[in-house]
Amino acid sequence: MAELALKPRQLFGTVRVALSGRKATPPLFPMIEILQRQRTLNRLERALISHHGQQSP
């Protein structure tokens, strides 16, 4: 987080949106626990791919 100059709240909010697809979500860590490791990683990877596809070259 320090390298990105982000506060935990900013980073966690972004991760919650990536995992759920919604801005209003349950707390991050219980959501990760419910989704489990592989599903969480898959959703984060899809969000990164989608984000990079939307950026201008």
Protein backbone atom coordinates (compact mmCIF):
# COMPACT_ATOMS: atom_id res chain seq x y z
CA MET A 1 0.00 0.00 0.00
CA ALA A 2 2.80 2.39 0.83
CA GLU A 3 4.37 1.89 -2.59
CA LEU A 4 1.06 2.84 -4.21
CA ALA A 5 0.51 5.80 -1.86
CA LEU A 6 -2.93 4.43 -0.98
CA LYS A 7 -4.69 4.32 2.33
CA PRO A 8 -6.03 0.89 3.38
CA ARG A 9 -9.61 2.08 2.91
CA GLN A 10 -8.92 3.03 -0.73
CA LEU A 11 -7.22 -0.25 -1.55
CA PHE A 12 -9.74 -2.42 0.27
CA GLY A 13 -12.64 -0.66 -1.46
CA THR A 14 -11.10 -1.33 -4.86
CA VAL A 15 -10.55 -4.99 -4.00
CA ARG A 16 -14.14 -5.33 -2.74
CA VAL A 17 -15.47 -3.96 -6.04
CA ALA A 18 -13.19 -6.33 -7.97
CA LEU A 19 -14.44 -9.32 -5.98
CA SER A 20 -18.13 -8.51 -5.93
CA GLY A 21 -18.72 -6.31 -8.96
CA ARG A 22 -20.58 -3.84 -6.72
CA LYS A 23 -19.67 -0.72 -4.80
CA ALA A 24 -21.74 -1.68 -1.74
CA THR A 25 -20.37 -4.97 -0.42
CA PRO A 26 -19.96 -6.96 2.76
CA PRO A 27 -16.69 -6.50 4.67
CA LEU A 28 -13.64 -7.57 2.67
CA PHE A 29 -12.14 -10.33 4.78
CA PRO A 30 -15.38 -12.26 5.40
CA MET A 31 -16.09 -12.03 1.66
CA ILE A 32 -12.65 -13.47 0.87
CA GLU A 33 -13.25 -16.26 3.37
CA ILE A 34 -16.58 -17.14 1.75
CA LEU A 35 -15.21 -17.01 -1.80
CA GLN A 36 -12.12 -19.01 -0.80
CA ARG A 37 -8.65 -18.65 -2.26
CA GLN A 38 -9.01 -19.78 -5.87
CA ARG A 39 -12.27 -17.98 -6.57
CA THR A 40 -10.86 -14.79 -4.99
CA LEU A 41 -7.71 -14.99 -7.13
CA ASN A 42 -9.75 -15.67 -10.28
CA ARG A 43 -11.94 -12.63 -9.69
CA LEU A 44 -8.95 -10.38 -8.98
CA GLU A 45 -7.24 -11.59 -12.14
CA ARG A 46 -10.36 -10.93 -14.24
CA ALA A 47 -10.63 -7.43 -12.76
CA LEU A 48 -6.99 -6.68 -13.61
CA ILE A 49 -7.40 -7.95 -17.16
CA SER A 50 -10.58 -5.92 -17.58
CA HIS A 51 -8.93 -2.79 -16.16
CA HIS A 52 -5.91 -3.09 -18.45
CA GLY A 53 -8.20 -3.59 -21.44
CA GLN A 54 -10.01 -0.33 -20.65
CA GLN A 55 -6.86 1.78 -20.37
CA SER A 56 -5.64 3.82 -23.30
CA PRO A 57 -2.40 2.60 -24.91
